[in-house]
């Protein structure tokens, strides 16, 4: 049987090739193998990778099952960056599953941690995710502000995002914000 590291590497390669069923299997095996060795951090990382695969497959409940509990493992180890990523994955899974309140709460927690850590790229994605949740919650002004924050942090904007950013900036100026 391959080592946990080999299983993880195989899972990453399969994910990049969009072979999601096989990638999910390798990440699940890696998580189990790491757990059997007593390496809770590596097992939690493999479970986060599994959650990302399940999100790509649109298997929301499976993504939630994979990621649940991992932020606490990283927090207990003092690994704040991986904790923030796990919270962002948890927010995304809740969002996709239609659990709007926990999605918003977790996006906000992830944004706070990423801000403290000085990380911008994933924080920008979390702001955009939070904006989508707020729109679904009919919190339109908050959604606009969240999207604007996310676009300001984004290192590269698509043509559509550039247009949206310009419109949001213009609207803010007109409202005196």
Protein backbone atom coordinates (compact mmCIF):
# COMPACT_ATOMS: atom_id res chain seq x y z
CA UNK A 1 0.00 0.00 0.00
CA UNK A 2 1.28 3.49 -0.79
CA UNK A 3 2.34 5.79 2.04
CA UNK A 4 0.02 8.61 3.17
CA UNK A 5 2.28 11.14 1.42
CA UNK A 6 2.09 9.15 -1.83
CA UNK A 7 -1.69 8.91 -1.51
CA UNK A 8 -1.93 12.66 -0.99
CA UNK A 9 0.32 13.36 -3.99
CA UNK A 10 -1.70 10.97 -6.14
CA UNK A 11 -4.88 12.73 -5.00
CA UNK A 12 -3.47 16.13 -5.98
CA UNK A 13 -2.39 14.84 -9.40
CA UNK A 14 -5.79 13.24 -10.01
CA UNK A 15 -7.56 16.43 -8.91
CA UNK A 16 -5.53 18.48 -11.39
CA UNK A 17 -6.57 16.01 -14.09
CA UNK A 18 -10.21 16.45 -12.96
CA UNK A 19 -10.47 12.76 -12.06
CA UNK A 20 -12.49 13.63 -9.01
CA UNK A 21 -13.77 10.20 -7.96
CA UNK A 22 -10.24 8.79 -7.90
CA UNK A 23 -8.86 11.93 -6.22
CA UNK A 24 -11.52 11.71 -3.50
CA UNK A 25 -10.64 8.06 -2.90
CA UNK A 26 -6.91 8.87 -2.52
CA UNK A 27 -7.53 11.80 -0.16
CA UNK A 28 -9.87 9.68 1.98
CA UNK A 29 -7.24 6.93 2.10
CA UNK A 30 -4.54 9.47 2.96
CA UNK A 31 -6.67 10.94 5.76
CA UNK A 32 -7.27 7.47 7.22
CA UNK A 33 -3.59 6.53 6.92
CA UNK A 34 -2.42 9.75 8.57
CA UNK A 35 -4.97 9.28 11.37
CA UNK A 36 -3.77 5.71 11.90
CA UNK A 37 -0.23 7.09 12.31
CA UNK A 38 -1.49 9.64 14.83
CA UNK A 39 -0.81 12.62 12.55
CA UNK A 40 -3.99 14.64 13.14
CA UNK A 41 -2.73 17.70 11.24
CA UNK A 42 -1.91 15.80 8.07
CA UNK A 43 -5.21 13.90 8.35
CA UNK A 44 -7.08 17.22 8.65
CA UNK A 45 -5.24 18.59 5.60
CA UNK A 46 -6.21 15.49 3.60
CA UNK A 47 -9.82 15.92 4.73
CA UNK A 48 -9.74 19.53 3.52
CA UNK A 49 -8.41 18.34 0.17
CA UNK A 50 -11.25 15.80 0.09
CA UNK A 51 -13.74 18.60 0.81
CA UNK A 52 -12.40 20.62 -2.13
CA UNK A 53 -12.86 17.60 -4.41
CA UNK A 54 -16.40 17.05 -3.11
CA UNK A 55 -17.20 20.72 -3.78
CA UNK A 56 -15.92 20.32 -7.35
CA UNK A 57 -18.23 17.31 -7.68
CA UNK A 58 -21.14 19.31 -6.23
CA UNK A 59 -21.50 16.79 -3.38
CA UNK A 60 -22.25 19.38 -0.73
CA UNK A 61 -23.05 17.07 2.19
CA UNK A 62 -19.93 15.00 1.55
CA UNK A 63 -17.85 18.20 1.46
CA UNK A 64 -19.33 19.27 4.79
CA UNK A 65 -18.67 15.85 6.30
CA UNK A 66 -15.04 15.96 5.16
CA UNK A 67 -14.22 19.46 6.42
CA UNK A 68 -16.24 19.53 9.65
CA UNK A 69 -13.97 19.57 12.68
CA UNK A 70 -10.77 20.38 10.80
CA UNK A 71 -10.64 24.09 11.75
CA UNK A 72 -10.54 23.06 15.41
CA UNK A 73 -7.66 20.66 14.76
CA UNK A 74 -5.61 23.40 13.13
CA UNK A 75 -6.56 25.88 15.86
CA UNK A 76 -5.43 23.48 18.59
CA UNK A 77 -2.09 23.12 16.81
CA UNK A 78 -1.71 26.90 16.47
CA UNK A 79 -1.74 26.66 12.66
CA UNK A 80 -3.80 29.75 11.94
CA UNK A 81 -3.30 29.78 8.16
CA UNK A 82 -4.58 26.25 7.69
CA UNK A 83 -7.33 27.01 10.22
CA UNK A 84 -8.41 29.97 8.07
CA UNK A 85 -8.37 27.85 4.91
CA UNK A 86 -10.42 25.15 6.63
CA UNK A 87 -12.96 27.73 7.80
CA UNK A 88 -13.16 29.09 4.24
CA UNK A 89 -13.77 25.55 2.95
CA UNK A 90 -16.43 25.06 5.62
CA UNK A 91 -18.10 28.34 4.60
CA UNK A 92 -18.05 27.32 0.95
CA UNK A 93 -19.57 23.92 1.75
CA UNK A 94 -22.33 25.49 3.85
CA UNK A 95 -22.96 28.05 1.11
CA UNK A 96 -23.30 25.41 -1.58
CA UNK A 97 -25.52 23.27 0.67
CA UNK A 98 -27.84 26.24 1.16
CA UNK A 99 -27.02 26.79 4.84
CA UNK A 100 -26.75 30.56 4.54
CA UNK A 101 -26.35 31.63 8.19
CA UNK A 102 -23.43 29.27 8.95
CA UNK A 103 -21.92 30.09 5.56
CA UNK A 104 -21.95 33.83 6.33
CA UNK A 105 -20.59 33.27 9.86
CA UNK A 106 -17.74 31.11 8.59
CA UNK A 107 -16.86 33.46 5.73
CA UNK A 108 -16.64 36.29 8.28
CA UNK A 109 -14.44 34.18 10.59
CA UNK A 110 -12.16 33.26 7.68
CA UNK A 111 -11.93 36.90 6.54
CA UNK A 112 -10.97 37.95 10.08
CA UNK A 113 -8.22 35.33 10.31
CA UNK A 114 -6.89 36.02 6.81
CA UNK A 115 -6.81 39.74 7.67
CA UNK A 116 -4.79 39.07 10.83
CA UNK A 117 -2.41 36.90 8.80
CA UNK A 118 -2.04 39.46 6.00
CA UNK A 119 -3.28 36.99 3.38
CA UNK A 120 -5.18 38.70 0.55
CA UNK A 121 -5.99 36.24 -2.24
CA UNK A 122 -8.17 33.82 -0.28
CA UNK A 123 -9.55 36.69 1.77
CA UNK A 124 -10.72 38.29 -1.50
CA UNK A 125 -12.43 35.02 -2.47
CA UNK A 126 -14.12 34.89 0.95
CA UNK A 127 -15.41 38.45 0.56
CA UNK A 128 -16.88 37.47 -2.82
CA UNK A 129 -18.40 34.32 -1.34
CA UNK A 130 -19.88 36.32 1.53
CA UNK A 131 -21.34 38.75 -0.99
CA UNK A 132 -23.12 35.87 -2.75
CA UNK A 133 -24.54 34.63 0.55
CA UNK A 134 -25.70 38.12 1.47
CA UNK A 135 -27.50 38.44 -1.86
CA UNK A 136 -29.31 35.18 -1.15
CA UNK A 137 -30.22 36.59 2.28
CA UNK A 138 -31.61 39.74 0.59
CA UNK A 139 -28.93 41.90 2.23
CA UNK A 140 -28.17 43.84 -0.95
CA UNK A 141 -26.16 46.76 0.44
CA UNK A 142 -23.98 44.47 2.54
CA UNK A 143 -23.50 42.25 -0.53
CA UNK A 144 -22.33 45.23 -2.59
CA UNK A 145 -19.90 46.30 0.14
CA UNK A 146 -18.55 42.75 0.50
CA UNK A 147 -18.09 42.39 -3.25
CA UNK A 148 -16.31 45.73 -3.40
CA UNK A 149 -13.96 44.63 -0.61
CA UNK A 150 -13.24 41.38 -2.44
CA UNK A 151 -12.57 43.11 -5.74
CA UNK A 152 -10.21 45.61 -4.11
CA UNK A 153 -8.14 42.75 -2.71
CA UNK A 154 -8.08 40.66 -5.89
CA UNK A 155 -4.65 40.71 -7.54
CA UNK A 156 -6.07 40.00 -11.00
CA UNK A 157 -9.54 40.91 -12.19
CA UNK A 158 -11.38 39.49 -15.15
CA UNK A 159 -12.85 42.02 -17.60
CA UNK A 160 -16.25 41.45 -15.96
CA UNK A 161 -14.81 42.03 -12.48
CA UNK A 162 -13.05 45.20 -13.66
CA UNK A 163 -16.36 46.55 -14.95
CA UNK A 164 -18.14 45.61 -11.73
CA UNK A 165 -15.40 47.20 -9.61
CA UNK A 166 -15.67 50.41 -11.63
CA UNK A 167 -19.43 50.49 -11.21
CA UNK A 168 -19.21 49.82 -7.47
CA UNK A 169 -16.53 52.48 -7.02
CA UNK A 170 -18.65 54.97 -8.96
CA UNK A 171 -21.75 54.16 -6.92
CA UNK A 172 -19.79 54.60 -3.68
CA UNK A 173 -18.56 58.01 -4.80
CA UNK A 174 -22.09 59.07 -5.72
CA UNK A 175 -23.31 58.02 -2.25
CA UNK A 176 -20.42 59.81 -0.57
CA UNK A 177 -18.87 56.62 0.80
